[in-house]
PDB file of all heavy atoms in Angstrom:
ATOM      1  N   GLU A   1     -61.451  50.768 -10.342  1.00  0.00           N
ATOM      2  CA  GLU A   1     -61.865  50.179  -9.073  1.00  0.00           C
ATOM      3  C   GLU A   1     -61.340  48.754  -8.885  1.00  0.00           C
ATOM      4  O   GLU A   1     -60.928  48.374  -7.795  1.00  0.00           O
ATOM      5  CB  GLU A   1     -63.389  50.164  -9.004  1.00  0.00           C
ATOM      6  CG  GLU A   1     -63.940  49.622  -7.695  1.00  0.00           C
ATOM      7  CD  GLU A   1     -65.454  49.680  -7.648  1.00  0.00           C
ATOM      8  OE1 GLU A   1     -66.109  49.243  -8.611  1.00  0.00           O
ATOM      9  OE2 GLU A   1     -65.981  50.169  -6.640  1.00  0.00           O
ATOM     10  N   ASP A   2     -61.346  47.967  -9.957  1.00  0.00           N
ATOM     11  CA  ASP A   2     -61.091  46.529  -9.841  1.00  0.00           C
ATOM     12  C   ASP A   2     -59.995  46.083 -10.805  1.00  0.00           C
ATOM     13  O   ASP A   2     -59.695  46.772 -11.794  1.00  0.00           O
ATOM     14  CB  ASP A   2     -62.366  45.742 -10.146  1.00  0.00           C
ATOM     15  CG  ASP A   2     -63.544  46.187  -9.296  1.00  0.00           C
ATOM     16  OD1 ASP A   2     -63.648  45.705  -8.168  1.00  0.00           O
ATOM     17  OD2 ASP A   2     -64.332  47.022  -9.765  1.00  0.00           O
ATOM     18  N   ILE A   3     -59.457  44.889 -10.537  1.00  0.00           N
ATOM     19  CA  ILE A   3     -58.413  44.351 -11.388  1.00  0.00           C
ATOM     20  C   ILE A   3     -58.592  42.841 -11.528  1.00  0.00           C
ATOM     21  O   ILE A   3     -58.945  42.145 -10.564  1.00  0.00           O
ATOM     22  CB  ILE A   3     -57.008  44.681 -10.817  1.00  0.00           C
ATOM     23  CG1 ILE A   3     -55.919  44.434 -11.840  1.00  0.00           C
ATOM     24  CG2 ILE A   3     -56.724  43.918  -9.534  1.00  0.00           C
ATOM     25  CD1 ILE A   3     -54.585  45.069 -11.463  1.00  0.00           C
ATOM     26  N   ALA A   4     -58.400  42.347 -12.763  1.00  0.00           N
ATOM     27  CA  ALA A   4     -58.487  40.916 -13.015  1.00  0.00           C
ATOM     28  C   ALA A   4     -57.198  40.246 -12.558  1.00  0.00           C
ATOM     29  O   ALA A   4     -56.099  40.681 -12.937  1.00  0.00           O
ATOM     30  CB  ALA A   4     -58.728  40.655 -14.500  1.00  0.00           C
ATOM     31  N   ILE A   5     -57.321  39.197 -11.760  1.00  0.00           N
ATOM     32  CA  ILE A   5     -56.150  38.557 -11.156  1.00  0.00           C
ATOM     33  C   ILE A   5     -55.227  37.974 -12.211  1.00  0.00           C
ATOM     34  O   ILE A   5     -53.998  38.166 -12.169  1.00  0.00           O
ATOM     35  CB  ILE A   5     -56.592  37.449 -10.176  1.00  0.00           C
ATOM     36  CG1 ILE A   5     -57.489  38.026  -9.078  1.00  0.00           C
ATOM     37  CG2 ILE A   5     -55.366  36.764  -9.563  1.00  0.00           C
ATOM     38  CD1 ILE A   5     -56.835  39.053  -8.216  1.00  0.00           C
ATOM     39  N   GLN A   6     -55.762  37.267 -13.186  1.00  0.00           N
ATOM     40  CA  GLN A   6     -54.936  36.554 -14.151  1.00  0.00           C
ATOM     41  C   GLN A   6     -54.296  37.479 -15.175  1.00  0.00           C
ATOM     42  O   GLN A   6     -53.120  37.335 -15.512  1.00  0.00           O
ATOM     43  CB  GLN A   6     -55.778  35.490 -14.875  1.00  0.00           C
ATOM     44  CG  GLN A   6     -56.352  34.421 -13.956  1.00  0.00           C
ATOM     45  CD  GLN A   6     -55.275  33.640 -13.224  1.00  0.00           C
ATOM     46  OE1 GLN A   6     -54.196  33.371 -13.764  1.00  0.00           O
ATOM     47  NE2 GLN A   6     -55.544  33.287 -11.964  1.00  0.00           N
ATOM     48  N   THR A   7     -55.043  38.449 -15.675  1.00  0.00           N
ATOM     49  CA  THR A   7     -54.562  39.289 -16.778  1.00  0.00           C
ATOM     50  C   THR A   7     -54.047  40.656 -16.347  1.00  0.00           C
ATOM     51  O   THR A   7     -53.319  41.309 -17.100  1.00  0.00           O
ATOM     52  CB  THR A   7     -55.682  39.509 -17.799  1.00  0.00           C
ATOM     53  OG1 THR A   7     -56.750  40.263 -17.182  1.00  0.00           O
ATOM     54  CG2 THR A   7     -56.230  38.166 -18.289  1.00  0.00           C
ATOM     55  N   GLY A   8     -54.450  41.111 -15.161  1.00  0.00           N
ATOM     56  CA  GLY A   8     -54.078  42.454 -14.729  1.00  0.00           C
ATOM     57  C   GLY A   8     -54.907  43.542 -15.383  1.00  0.00           C
ATOM     58  O   GLY A   8     -54.633  44.737 -15.209  1.00  0.00           O
ATOM     59  N   GLU A   9     -55.963  43.164 -16.119  1.00  0.00           N
ATOM     60  CA  GLU A   9     -56.800  44.155 -16.786  1.00  0.00           C
ATOM     61  C   GLU A   9     -57.633  44.919 -15.772  1.00  0.00           C
ATOM     62  O   GLU A   9     -58.143  44.355 -14.804  1.00  0.00           O
ATOM     63  CB  GLU A   9     -57.718  43.471 -17.800  1.00  0.00           C
ATOM     64  CG  GLU A   9     -58.540  44.450 -18.616  1.00  0.00           C
ATOM     65  CD  GLU A   9     -59.347  43.775 -19.709  1.00  0.00           C
ATOM     66  OE1 GLU A   9     -59.379  42.521 -19.742  1.00  0.00           O
ATOM     67  OE2 GLU A   9     -59.940  44.504 -20.529  1.00  0.00           O
ATOM     68  N   LEU A  10     -57.773  46.214 -16.007  1.00  0.00           N
ATOM     69  CA  LEU A  10     -58.551  47.071 -15.113  1.00  0.00           C
ATOM     70  C   LEU A  10     -60.027  47.024 -15.477  1.00  0.00           C
ATOM     71  O   LEU A  10     -60.396  47.052 -16.657  1.00  0.00           O
ATOM     72  CB  LEU A  10     -58.048  48.508 -15.188  1.00  0.00           C
ATOM     73  CG  LEU A  10     -56.610  48.750 -14.709  1.00  0.00           C
ATOM     74  CD1 LEU A  10     -56.233  50.216 -14.901  1.00  0.00           C
ATOM     75  CD2 LEU A  10     -56.434  48.340 -13.255  1.00  0.00           C
ATOM     76  N   TRP A  11     -60.869  46.979 -14.439  1.00  0.00           N
ATOM     77  CA  TRP A  11     -62.310  46.993 -14.606  1.00  0.00           C
ATOM     78  C   TRP A  11     -62.911  47.946 -13.564  1.00  0.00           C
ATOM     79  O   TRP A  11     -62.246  48.347 -12.618  1.00  0.00           O
ATOM     80  CB  TRP A  11     -62.892  45.586 -14.411  1.00  0.00           C
ATOM     81  CG  TRP A  11     -62.539  44.647 -15.507  1.00  0.00           C
ATOM     82  CD1 TRP A  11     -61.467  43.799 -15.567  1.00  0.00           C
ATOM     83  CD2 TRP A  11     -63.246  44.458 -16.736  1.00  0.00           C
ATOM     84  NE1 TRP A  11     -61.460  43.095 -16.742  1.00  0.00           N
ATOM     85  CE2 TRP A  11     -62.551  43.473 -17.480  1.00  0.00           C
ATOM     86  CE3 TRP A  11     -64.414  45.009 -17.277  1.00  0.00           C
ATOM     87  CZ2 TRP A  11     -62.983  43.048 -18.736  1.00  0.00           C
ATOM     88  CZ3 TRP A  11     -64.845  44.583 -18.528  1.00  0.00           C
ATOM     89  CH2 TRP A  11     -64.132  43.612 -19.236  1.00  0.00           C
ATOM     90  N   GLY A  12     -64.170  48.281 -13.766  1.00  0.00           N
ATOM     91  CA  GLY A  12     -64.851  49.165 -12.837  1.00  0.00           C
ATOM     92  C   GLY A  12     -64.658  50.623 -13.207  1.00  0.00           C
ATOM     93  O   GLY A  12     -63.861  50.983 -14.075  1.00  0.00           O
ATOM     94  N   ASN A  13     -65.429  51.487 -12.552  1.00  0.00           N
ATOM     95  CA  ASN A  13     -65.426  52.907 -12.906  1.00  0.00           C
ATOM     96  C   ASN A  13     -64.047  53.543 -12.724  1.00  0.00           C
ATOM     97  O   ASN A  13     -63.227  53.093 -11.926  1.00  0.00           O
ATOM     98  CB  ASN A  13     -66.486  53.649 -12.110  1.00  0.00           C
ATOM     99  CG  ASN A  13     -67.878  53.382 -12.638  1.00  0.00           C
ATOM    100  OD1 ASN A  13     -68.142  53.585 -13.819  1.00  0.00           O
ATOM    101  ND2 ASN A  13     -68.776  52.912 -11.789  1.00  0.00           N
ATOM    102  N   TYR A  14     -63.824  54.634 -13.483  1.00  0.00           N
ATOM    103  CA  TYR A  14     -62.479  55.179 -13.664  1.00  0.00           C
ATOM    104  C   TYR A  14     -62.555  56.693 -13.828  1.00  0.00           C
ATOM    105  O   TYR A  14     -63.513  57.183 -14.428  1.00  0.00           O
ATOM    106  CB  TYR A  14     -61.876  54.541 -14.911  1.00  0.00           C
ATOM    107  CG  TYR A  14     -60.522  55.050 -15.320  1.00  0.00           C
ATOM    108  CD1 TYR A  14     -59.371  54.435 -14.855  1.00  0.00           C
ATOM    109  CD2 TYR A  14     -60.391  56.118 -16.203  1.00  0.00           C
ATOM    110  CE1 TYR A  14     -58.118  54.879 -15.265  1.00  0.00           C
ATOM    111  CE2 TYR A  14     -59.147  56.578 -16.593  1.00  0.00           C
ATOM    112  CZ  TYR A  14     -58.013  55.952 -16.121  1.00  0.00           C
ATOM    113  OH  TYR A  14     -56.771  56.390 -16.505  1.00  0.00           O
ATOM    114  N   PRO A  15     -61.516  57.400 -13.347  1.00  0.00           N
ATOM    115  CA  PRO A  15     -60.527  56.967 -12.358  1.00  0.00           C
ATOM    116  C   PRO A  15     -61.196  56.881 -10.987  1.00  0.00           C
ATOM    117  O   PRO A  15     -62.029  57.718 -10.638  1.00  0.00           O
ATOM    118  CB  PRO A  15     -59.475  58.065 -12.402  1.00  0.00           C
ATOM    119  CG  PRO A  15     -60.237  59.295 -12.840  1.00  0.00           C
ATOM    120  CD  PRO A  15     -61.325  58.803 -13.759  1.00  0.00           C
ATOM    121  N   GLN A  16     -60.843  55.877 -10.226  1.00  0.00           N
ATOM    122  CA  GLN A  16     -61.506  55.585  -8.957  1.00  0.00           C
ATOM    123  C   GLN A  16     -60.783  56.285  -7.810  1.00  0.00           C
ATOM    124  O   GLN A  16     -59.595  56.064  -7.580  1.00  0.00           O
ATOM    125  CB  GLN A  16     -61.517  54.078  -8.724  1.00  0.00           C
ATOM    126  CG  GLN A  16     -62.071  53.648  -7.385  1.00  0.00           C
ATOM    127  CD  GLN A  16     -63.578  53.815  -7.288  1.00  0.00           C
ATOM    128  OE1 GLN A  16     -64.239  54.055  -8.277  1.00  0.00           O
ATOM    129  NE2 GLN A  16     -64.116  53.689  -6.101  1.00  0.00           N
ATOM    130  N   THR A  17     -61.491  57.139  -7.082  1.00  0.00           N
ATOM    131  CA  THR A  17     -60.846  57.893  -5.996  1.00  0.00           C
ATOM    132  C   THR A  17     -60.253  56.962  -4.939  1.00  0.00           C
ATOM    133  O   THR A  17     -59.161  57.204  -4.436  1.00  0.00           O
ATOM    134  CB  THR A  17     -61.837  58.862  -5.341  1.00  0.00           C
ATOM    135  OG1 THR A  17     -63.012  58.153  -4.948  1.00  0.00           O
ATOM    136  CG2 THR A  17     -62.225  59.973  -6.299  1.00  0.00           C
ATOM    137  N   TYR A  18     -60.984  55.902  -4.575  1.00  0.00           N
ATOM    138  CA  TYR A  18     -60.462  54.928  -3.622  1.00  0.00           C
ATOM    139  C   TYR A  18     -59.044  54.477  -3.998  1.00  0.00           C
ATOM    140  O   TYR A  18     -58.142  54.426  -3.169  1.00  0.00           O
ATOM    141  CB  TYR A  18     -61.349  53.682  -3.623  1.00  0.00           C
ATOM    142  CG  TYR A  18     -62.445  53.619  -2.588  1.00  0.00           C
ATOM    143  CD1 TYR A  18     -63.529  52.767  -2.794  1.00  0.00           C
ATOM    144  CD2 TYR A  18     -62.420  54.358  -1.412  1.00  0.00           C
ATOM    145  CE1 TYR A  18     -64.550  52.663  -1.861  1.00  0.00           C
ATOM    146  CE2 TYR A  18     -63.434  54.255  -0.480  1.00  0.00           C
ATOM    147  CZ  TYR A  18     -64.497  53.408  -0.714  1.00  0.00           C
ATOM    148  OH  TYR A  18     -65.493  53.301   0.212  1.00  0.00           O
ATOM    149  N   SER A  19     -58.892  54.090  -5.256  1.00  0.00           N
ATOM    150  CA  SER A  19     -57.612  53.534  -5.703  1.00  0.00           C
ATOM    151  C   SER A  19     -56.503  54.576  -5.664  1.00  0.00           C
ATOM    152  O   SER A  19     -55.356  54.273  -5.307  1.00  0.00           O
ATOM    153  CB  SER A  19     -57.762  52.962  -7.114  1.00  0.00           C
ATOM    154  OG  SER A  19     -58.748  51.947  -7.150  1.00  0.00           O
ATOM    155  N   LEU A  20     -56.833  55.804  -6.030  1.00  0.00           N
ATOM    156  CA  LEU A  20     -55.828  56.875  -6.004  1.00  0.00           C
ATOM    157  C   LEU A  20     -55.444  57.222  -4.574  1.00  0.00           C
ATOM    158  O   LEU A  20     -54.284  57.539  -4.284  1.00  0.00           O
ATOM    159  CB  LEU A  20     -56.361  58.106  -6.734  1.00  0.00           C
ATOM    160  CG  LEU A  20     -56.811  57.868  -8.180  1.00  0.00           C
ATOM    161  CD1 LEU A  20     -57.275  59.166  -8.818  1.00  0.00           C
ATOM    162  CD2 LEU A  20     -55.710  57.230  -9.011  1.00  0.00           C
ATOM    163  N   VAL A  21     -56.418  57.153  -3.667  1.00  0.00           N
ATOM    164  CA  VAL A  21     -56.128  57.332  -2.241  1.00  0.00           C
ATOM    165  C   VAL A  21     -55.118  56.284  -1.785  1.00  0.00           C
ATOM    166  O   VAL A  21     -54.180  56.577  -1.033  1.00  0.00           O
ATOM    167  CB  VAL A  21     -57.428  57.226  -1.420  1.00  0.00           C
ATOM    168  CG1 VAL A  21     -57.141  56.998   0.054  1.00  0.00           C
ATOM    169  CG2 VAL A  21     -58.272  58.487  -1.605  1.00  0.00           C
ATOM    170  N   GLY A  22     -55.299  55.041  -2.237  1.00  0.00           N
ATOM    171  CA  GLY A  22     -54.380  53.979  -1.865  1.00  0.00           C
ATOM    172  C   GLY A  22     -52.959  54.249  -2.308  1.00  0.00           C
ATOM    173  O   GLY A  22     -52.002  53.974  -1.569  1.00  0.00           O
ATOM    174  N   ILE A  23     -52.794  54.794  -3.502  1.00  0.00           N
ATOM    175  CA  ILE A  23     -51.456  55.145  -3.990  1.00  0.00           C
ATOM    176  C   ILE A  23     -50.798  56.143  -3.051  1.00  0.00           C
ATOM    177  O   ILE A  23     -49.640  55.984  -2.649  1.00  0.00           O
ATOM    178  CB  ILE A  23     -51.537  55.709  -5.427  1.00  0.00           C
ATOM    179  CG1 ILE A  23     -51.943  54.606  -6.411  1.00  0.00           C
ATOM    180  CG2 ILE A  23     -50.195  56.325  -5.841  1.00  0.00           C
ATOM    181  CD1 ILE A  23     -52.202  55.112  -7.821  1.00  0.00           C
ATOM    182  N   ILE A  24     -51.539  57.192  -2.699  1.00  0.00           N
ATOM    183  CA  ILE A  24     -50.976  58.234  -1.840  1.00  0.00           C
ATOM    184  C   ILE A  24     -50.640  57.686  -0.457  1.00  0.00           C
ATOM    185  O   ILE A  24     -49.531  57.882   0.053  1.00  0.00           O
ATOM    186  CB  ILE A  24     -51.960  59.417  -1.735  1.00  0.00           C
ATOM    187  CG1 ILE A  24     -52.077  60.132  -3.085  1.00  0.00           C
ATOM    188  CG2 ILE A  24     -51.512  60.394  -0.646  1.00  0.00           C
ATOM    189  CD1 ILE A  24     -53.171  61.178  -3.136  1.00  0.00           C
TER     190      ILE A  24
END
């Protein structure tokens, strides 16, 4: 769901449908 700005580390529940929708 989320991403840390400085490190690029992923946070939040996974895999997030919202985020995969964005890719498509």
